[in-house]
Amino acid sequence: LRTGIDRRHRRTDGQLRDDDWRLETSYERFLDDEHFVAGRVLGTRELNSGSYDQTYAVLAAAGWRRWEAENQHLRIGPALGYLGASRSQGQFDSGALGLYATAEGPAWAGLRFGGELIVLDSLGDGRYANLELRLRQPLGERLYLALVWNYAWSDFDIEPGVRSEWRWDLGWRFGPDADR
C-alpha cells in the first residue's frame, strides 16, 4: 500500500495564488510468482486562471512480474479504469482502457530508482498519461528522502494539457520490506 498527499500553497505579489492538491494511493497484491493485481487512485486539483482544474483516475490492473529480485522489480499489465476531468470549459467522465507499469531497483551509492506509468484511453474523447520517476535515499530504516519528477499529459475534448514538476518527498515506509 502506498499513499501520498501533497498540498502546495504559494502567494506572491502580482501573481495568482496557488492552492494545489494531489492525492494518490495504490495497492498491489501478488497472485503467484509471475502475476499481480493492482488498484490505483489518483486525483489532482490545480488553480489555473481563476478556476480549478481537476483530474481523477481510478484503475485496476493485472499483469506480469518480471525481473523480480530482492531489490528490484518490473510489473506491467493492462488496466481497466475510470477517467474524469473538469476544466473551466466543461466536464469529462468516461470508462477507460490502458496500461499500468511500475519498476524499482538500485541506482548508485545507496540511492534507489523507482517509477510508475499510467496510460488511460477512453477510446473516445479523452486520454491521460502520468509518469512519475523517483530517486530515493534512505535516511534510516524506514525514513527516506526522494527527488521526484512527475509528468502528466492529458488530451480531453474539453482541454489538452501538459504538466511537469519536480518535488522533494520526505516519507516513511511501512511493512516488512520497509528497509528496501
C-alpha atoms as a PDB file:
ATOM      1  CA  LEU A   1       0.000   0.000   0.000  1.00  0.00           C
ATOM      2  CA  ARG A   2       1.400   3.386  -0.984  1.00  0.00           C
ATOM      3  CA  THR A   3      -0.395   6.652  -0.223  1.00  0.00           C
ATOM      4  CA  GLY A   4       0.613  10.237  -0.770  1.00  0.00           C
ATOM      5  CA  ILE A   5      -0.990  13.629  -0.186  1.00  0.00           C
ATOM      6  CA  ASP A   6       0.629  16.795  -1.456  1.00  0.00           C
ATOM      7  CA  ARG A   7      -0.616  20.337  -0.941  1.00  0.00           C
ATOM      8  CA  ARG A   8       1.124  23.391  -2.344  1.00  0.00           C
ATOM      9  CA  HIS A   9       0.283  26.932  -1.340  1.00  0.00           C
ATOM     10  CA  ARG A  10       2.164  29.947  -2.677  1.00  0.00           C
ATOM     11  CA  ARG A  11       1.337  33.611  -2.554  1.00  0.00           C
ATOM     12  CA  THR A  12       3.484  36.035  -4.491  1.00  0.00           C
ATOM     13  CA  ASP A  13       2.653  39.684  -5.016  1.00  0.00           C
ATOM     14  CA  GLY A  14       1.307  40.238  -8.502  1.00  0.00           C
ATOM     15  CA  GLN A  15       0.828  36.517  -9.191  1.00  0.00           C
ATOM     16  CA  LEU A  16      -2.012  34.064  -8.929  1.00  0.00           C
ATOM     17  CA  ARG A  17      -2.363  32.330  -5.560  1.00  0.00           C
ATOM     18  CA  ASP A  18      -1.799  28.606  -5.918  1.00  0.00           C
ATOM     19  CA  ASP A  19      -3.733  26.176  -3.747  1.00  0.00           C
ATOM     20  CA  ASP A  20      -2.995  22.826  -5.396  1.00  0.00           C
ATOM     21  CA  TRP A  21      -3.749  19.315  -4.105  1.00  0.00           C
ATOM     22  CA  ARG A  22      -2.577  15.889  -5.199  1.00  0.00           C
ATOM     23  CA  LEU A  23      -3.873  12.649  -3.664  1.00  0.00           C
ATOM     24  CA  GLU A  24      -2.713   9.200  -4.658  1.00  0.00           C
ATOM     25  CA  THR A  25      -2.982   5.722  -3.279  1.00  0.00           C
ATOM     26  CA  SER A  26      -2.102   2.356  -4.746  1.00  0.00           C
ATOM     27  CA  TYR A  27      -2.208  -1.259  -3.678  1.00  0.00           C
ATOM     28  CA  GLU A  28      -0.503  -4.301  -5.211  1.00  0.00           C
ATOM     29  CA  ARG A  29      -1.156  -7.949  -4.417  1.00  0.00           C
ATOM     30  CA  PHE A  30       0.863 -10.886  -5.713  1.00  0.00           C
ATOM     31  CA  LEU A  31      -1.184 -13.764  -7.087  1.00  0.00           C
ATOM     32  CA  ASP A  32       1.813 -16.056  -7.589  1.00  0.00           C
ATOM     33  CA  ASP A  33       5.485 -15.820  -8.616  1.00  0.00           C
ATOM     34  CA  GLU A  34       4.626 -14.357 -12.027  1.00  0.00           C
ATOM     35  CA  HIS A  35       1.355 -12.397 -11.683  1.00  0.00           C
ATOM     36  CA  PHE A  36      -0.005  -9.430  -9.733  1.00  0.00           C
ATOM     37  CA  VAL A  37      -3.150  -7.320  -9.420  1.00  0.00           C
ATOM     38  CA  ALA A  38      -3.112  -3.634  -8.530  1.00  0.00           C
ATOM     39  CA  GLY A  39      -5.518  -0.837  -7.762  1.00  0.00           C
ATOM     40  CA  ARG A  40      -4.697   2.850  -8.150  1.00  0.00           C
ATOM     41  CA  VAL A  41      -6.493   6.117  -7.350  1.00  0.00           C
ATOM     42  CA  LEU A  42      -5.046   9.462  -8.444  1.00  0.00           C
ATOM     43  CA  GLY A  43      -6.591  12.915  -8.101  1.00  0.00           C
ATOM     44  CA  THR A  44      -5.238  16.415  -8.680  1.00  0.00           C
ATOM     45  CA  ARG A  45      -6.711  19.872  -8.230  1.00  0.00           C
ATOM     46  CA  GLU A  46      -4.846  22.923  -9.513  1.00  0.00           C
ATOM     47  CA  LEU A  47      -5.758  26.592  -9.547  1.00  0.00           C
ATOM     48  CA  ASN A  48      -5.468  27.874 -13.105  1.00  0.00           C
ATOM     49  CA  SER A  49      -6.515  31.362 -14.259  1.00  0.00           C
ATOM     50  CA  GLY A  50      -9.123  31.832 -11.549  1.00  0.00           C
ATOM     51  CA  SER A  51     -10.757  28.380 -11.698  1.00  0.00           C
ATOM     52  CA  TYR A  52      -9.756  24.908 -10.571  1.00  0.00           C
ATOM     53  CA  ASP A  53      -8.669  22.179 -12.986  1.00  0.00           C
ATOM     54  CA  GLN A  54      -9.381  18.722 -11.574  1.00  0.00           C
ATOM     55  CA  THR A  55      -8.248  15.364 -12.942  1.00  0.00           C
ATOM     56  CA  TYR A  56      -9.009  11.976 -11.419  1.00  0.00           C
ATOM     57  CA  ALA A  57      -8.291   8.407 -12.434  1.00  0.00           C
ATOM     58  CA  VAL A  58      -9.223   5.095 -10.856  1.00  0.00           C
ATOM     59  CA  LEU A  59      -7.867   1.859 -12.281  1.00  0.00           C
ATOM     60  CA  ALA A  60      -7.498  -1.838 -11.678  1.00  0.00           C
ATOM     61  CA  ALA A  61      -4.664  -3.675 -13.392  1.00  0.00           C
ATOM     62  CA  ALA A  62      -3.487  -7.258 -13.653  1.00  0.00           C
ATOM     63  CA  GLY A  63      -0.224  -8.286 -15.159  1.00  0.00           C
ATOM     64  CA  TRP A  64       3.164  -9.907 -15.029  1.00  0.00           C
ATOM     65  CA  ARG A  65       6.026  -9.689 -12.581  1.00  0.00           C
ATOM     66  CA  ARG A  66       9.387  -9.533 -14.371  1.00  0.00           C
ATOM     67  CA  TRP A  67      12.988  -9.290 -13.142  1.00  0.00           C
ATOM     68  CA  GLU A  68      11.831  -9.798  -9.566  1.00  0.00           C
ATOM     69  CA  ALA A  69      14.702  -9.927  -7.087  1.00  0.00           C
ATOM     70  CA  GLU A  70      15.192  -8.799  -3.532  1.00  0.00           C
ATOM     71  CA  ASN A  71      15.894  -5.181  -4.506  1.00  0.00           C
ATOM     72  CA  GLN A  72      14.340  -4.782  -7.950  1.00  0.00           C
ATOM     73  CA  HIS A  73      11.209  -5.433  -9.999  1.00  0.00           C
ATOM     74  CA  LEU A  74       9.227  -4.589 -13.100  1.00  0.00           C
ATOM     75  CA  ARG A  75       5.470  -5.090 -13.055  1.00  0.00           C
ATOM     76  CA  ILE A  76       3.437  -4.379 -16.167  1.00  0.00           C
ATOM     77  CA  GLY A  77      -0.056  -5.155 -17.375  1.00  0.00           C
ATOM     78  CA  PRO A  78      -3.294  -3.938 -18.925  1.00  0.00           C
ATOM     79  CA  ALA A  79      -5.622  -1.717 -16.916  1.00  0.00           C
ATOM     80  CA  LEU A  80      -9.348  -1.027 -16.795  1.00  0.00           C
ATOM     81  CA  GLY A  81     -10.484   2.181 -15.180  1.00  0.00           C
ATOM     82  CA  TYR A  82     -12.364   5.437 -14.970  1.00  0.00           C
ATOM     83  CA  LEU A  83     -11.071   8.797 -16.158  1.00  0.00           C
ATOM     84  CA  GLY A  84     -12.525  12.188 -15.262  1.00  0.00           C
ATOM     85  CA  ALA A  85     -11.635  15.839 -15.619  1.00  0.00           C
ATOM     86  CA  SER A  86     -13.245  19.192 -15.026  1.00  0.00           C
ATOM     87  CA  ARG A  87     -11.955  22.363 -16.567  1.00  0.00           C
ATOM     88  CA  SER A  88     -13.431  25.825 -16.950  1.00  0.00           C
ATOM     89  CA  GLN A  89     -14.600  24.680 -20.419  1.00  0.00           C
ATOM     90  CA  GLY A  90     -16.604  21.705 -19.104  1.00  0.00           C
ATOM     91  CA  GLN A  91     -16.624  18.216 -17.631  1.00  0.00           C
ATOM     92  CA  PHE A  92     -15.314  14.868 -18.942  1.00  0.00           C
ATOM     93  CA  ASP A  93     -16.165  11.430 -17.475  1.00  0.00           C
ATOM     94  CA  SER A  94     -15.649   8.041 -19.088  1.00  0.00           C
ATOM     95  CA  GLY A  95     -14.521   4.477 -18.614  1.00  0.00           C
ATOM     96  CA  ALA A  96     -11.053   3.808 -19.976  1.00  0.00           C
ATOM     97  CA  LEU A  97      -8.616   1.076 -21.015  1.00  0.00           C
ATOM     98  CA  GLY A  98      -4.889   1.341 -20.655  1.00  0.00           C
ATOM     99  CA  LEU A  99      -1.553   0.241 -19.264  1.00  0.00           C
ATOM    100  CA  TYR A 100      -0.043   0.188 -15.768  1.00  0.00           C
ATOM    101  CA  ALA A 101       3.664  -0.311 -15.063  1.00  0.00           C
ATOM    102  CA  THR A 102       5.872   0.096 -12.025  1.00  0.00           C
ATOM    103  CA  ALA A 103       9.599  -0.527 -11.589  1.00  0.00           C
ATOM    104  CA  GLU A 104      12.152  -0.218  -8.820  1.00  0.00           C
ATOM    105  CA  GLY A 105      15.819  -1.022  -8.407  1.00  0.00           C
ATOM    106  CA  PRO A 106      19.169   0.111  -7.072  1.00  0.00           C
ATOM    107  CA  ALA A 107      20.746   3.177  -8.678  1.00  0.00           C
ATOM    108  CA  TRP A 108      24.165   4.027  -7.149  1.00  0.00           C
ATOM    109  CA  ALA A 109      25.736   4.952  -3.797  1.00  0.00           C
ATOM    110  CA  GLY A 110      22.742   3.698  -1.795  1.00  0.00           C
ATOM    111  CA  LEU A 111      20.181   5.532  -3.932  1.00  0.00           C
ATOM    112  CA  ARG A 112      17.149   3.635  -5.240  1.00  0.00           C
ATOM    113  CA  PHE A 113      15.381   4.344  -8.529  1.00  0.00           C
ATOM    114  CA  GLY A 114      11.618   3.906  -8.915  1.00  0.00           C
ATOM    115  CA  GLY A 115       8.999   4.746 -11.468  1.00  0.00           C
ATOM    116  CA  GLU A 116       5.335   4.352 -12.295  1.00  0.00           C
ATOM    117  CA  LEU A 117       3.478   4.777 -15.575  1.00  0.00           C
ATOM    118  CA  ILE A 118      -0.292   5.027 -16.036  1.00  0.00           C
ATOM    119  CA  VAL A 119      -1.798   5.393 -19.513  1.00  0.00           C
ATOM    120  CA  LEU A 120      -5.599   5.506 -19.913  1.00  0.00           C
ATOM    121  CA  ASP A 121      -7.629   5.991 -23.109  1.00  0.00           C
ATOM    122  CA  SER A 122     -11.416   6.393 -23.101  1.00  0.00           C
ATOM    123  CA  LEU A 123     -11.489   5.206 -26.753  1.00  0.00           C
ATOM    124  CA  GLY A 124     -13.272   8.446 -27.470  1.00  0.00           C
ATOM    125  CA  ASP A 125     -12.557  11.999 -26.438  1.00  0.00           C
ATOM    126  CA  GLY A 126     -10.093  11.557 -23.600  1.00  0.00           C
ATOM    127  CA  ARG A 127      -6.612  10.250 -22.998  1.00  0.00           C
ATOM    128  CA  TYR A 128      -4.358  10.631 -19.964  1.00  0.00           C
ATOM    129  CA  ALA A 129      -0.805   9.569 -19.113  1.00  0.00           C
ATOM    130  CA  ASN A 130       1.061  10.044 -15.842  1.00  0.00           C
ATOM    131  CA  LEU A 131       4.757   9.235 -15.413  1.00  0.00           C
ATOM    132  CA  GLU A 132       6.480   9.545 -12.053  1.00  0.00           C
ATOM    133  CA  LEU A 133      10.209   8.904 -11.565  1.00  0.00           C
ATOM    134  CA  ARG A 134      11.867   8.868  -8.116  1.00  0.00           C
ATOM    135  CA  LEU A 135      15.409   8.804  -6.741  1.00  0.00           C
ATOM    136  CA  ARG A 136      15.135   7.782  -3.093  1.00  0.00           C
ATOM    137  CA  GLN A 137      17.811   7.988  -0.390  1.00  0.00           C
ATOM    138  CA  PRO A 138      17.186   6.072   2.850  1.00  0.00           C
ATOM    139  CA  LEU A 139      17.680   8.200   5.977  1.00  0.00           C
ATOM    140  CA  GLY A 140      17.353   5.278   8.356  1.00  0.00           C
ATOM    141  CA  GLU A 141      15.491   2.002   8.491  1.00  0.00           C
ATOM    142  CA  ARG A 142      12.121   3.498   7.433  1.00  0.00           C
ATOM    143  CA  LEU A 143      12.587   7.239   6.778  1.00  0.00           C
ATOM    144  CA  TYR A 144      13.620   8.393   3.279  1.00  0.00           C
ATOM    145  CA  LEU A 145      14.114  11.492   1.150  1.00  0.00           C
ATOM    146  CA  ALA A 146      13.216  11.376  -2.550  1.00  0.00           C
ATOM    147  CA  LEU A 147      13.631  13.637  -5.545  1.00  0.00           C
ATOM    148  CA  VAL A 148      10.538  13.133  -7.717  1.00  0.00           C
ATOM    149  CA  TRP A 149       9.756  14.172 -11.289  1.00  0.00           C
ATOM    150  CA  ASN A 150       6.095  13.952 -12.310  1.00  0.00           C
ATOM    151  CA  TYR A 151       4.961  14.365 -15.922  1.00  0.00           C
ATOM    152  CA  ALA A 152       1.248  14.319 -16.748  1.00  0.00           C
ATOM    153  CA  TRP A 153      -0.204  14.571 -20.266  1.00  0.00           C
ATOM    154  CA  SER A 154      -3.918  14.902 -20.971  1.00  0.00           C
ATOM    155  CA  ASP A 155      -5.868  15.149 -24.199  1.00  0.00           C
ATOM    156  CA  PHE A 156      -9.524  15.743 -23.321  1.00  0.00           C
ATOM    157  CA  ASP A 157     -12.086  17.185 -25.714  1.00  0.00           C
ATOM    158  CA  ILE A 158     -12.598  19.991 -23.169  1.00  0.00           C
ATOM    159  CA  GLU A 159      -8.888  20.886 -22.987  1.00  0.00           C
ATOM    160  CA  PRO A 160      -5.495  19.250 -23.629  1.00  0.00           C
ATOM    161  CA  GLY A 161      -2.552  19.943 -21.360  1.00  0.00           C
ATOM    162  CA  VAL A 162       0.887  19.010 -20.051  1.00  0.00           C
ATOM    163  CA  ARG A 163       2.185  19.380 -16.503  1.00  0.00           C
ATOM    164  CA  SER A 164       5.744  18.727 -15.413  1.00  0.00           C
ATOM    165  CA  GLU A 165       7.024  19.279 -11.885  1.00  0.00           C
ATOM    166  CA  TRP A 166       9.927  18.443  -9.614  1.00  0.00           C
ATOM    167  CA  ARG A 167       9.426  17.989  -5.883  1.00  0.00           C
ATOM    168  CA  TRP A 168      11.119  16.678  -2.758  1.00  0.00           C
ATOM    169  CA  ASP A 169       9.307  13.989  -0.748  1.00  0.00           C
ATOM    170  CA  LEU A 170      10.115  13.132   2.836  1.00  0.00           C
ATOM    171  CA  GLY A 171       8.465   9.801   3.524  1.00  0.00           C
ATOM    172  CA  TRP A 172       8.071   6.841   5.836  1.00  0.00           C
ATOM    173  CA  ARG A 173       7.936   3.231   4.636  1.00  0.00           C
ATOM    174  CA  PHE A 174       5.597   0.732   6.306  1.00  0.00           C
ATOM    175  CA  GLY A 175       5.531  -3.030   6.291  1.00  0.00           C
ATOM    176  CA  PRO A 176       8.023  -5.893   6.486  1.00  0.00           C
ATOM    177  CA  ASP A 177      10.059  -4.648   3.477  1.00  0.00           C
ATOM    178  CA  ALA A 178      10.496  -1.140   4.877  1.00  0.00           C
ATOM    179  CA  ASP A 179      14.299  -1.300   4.775  1.00  0.00           C
ATOM    180  CA  ARG A 180      14.311  -1.555   0.948  1.00  0.00           C
END
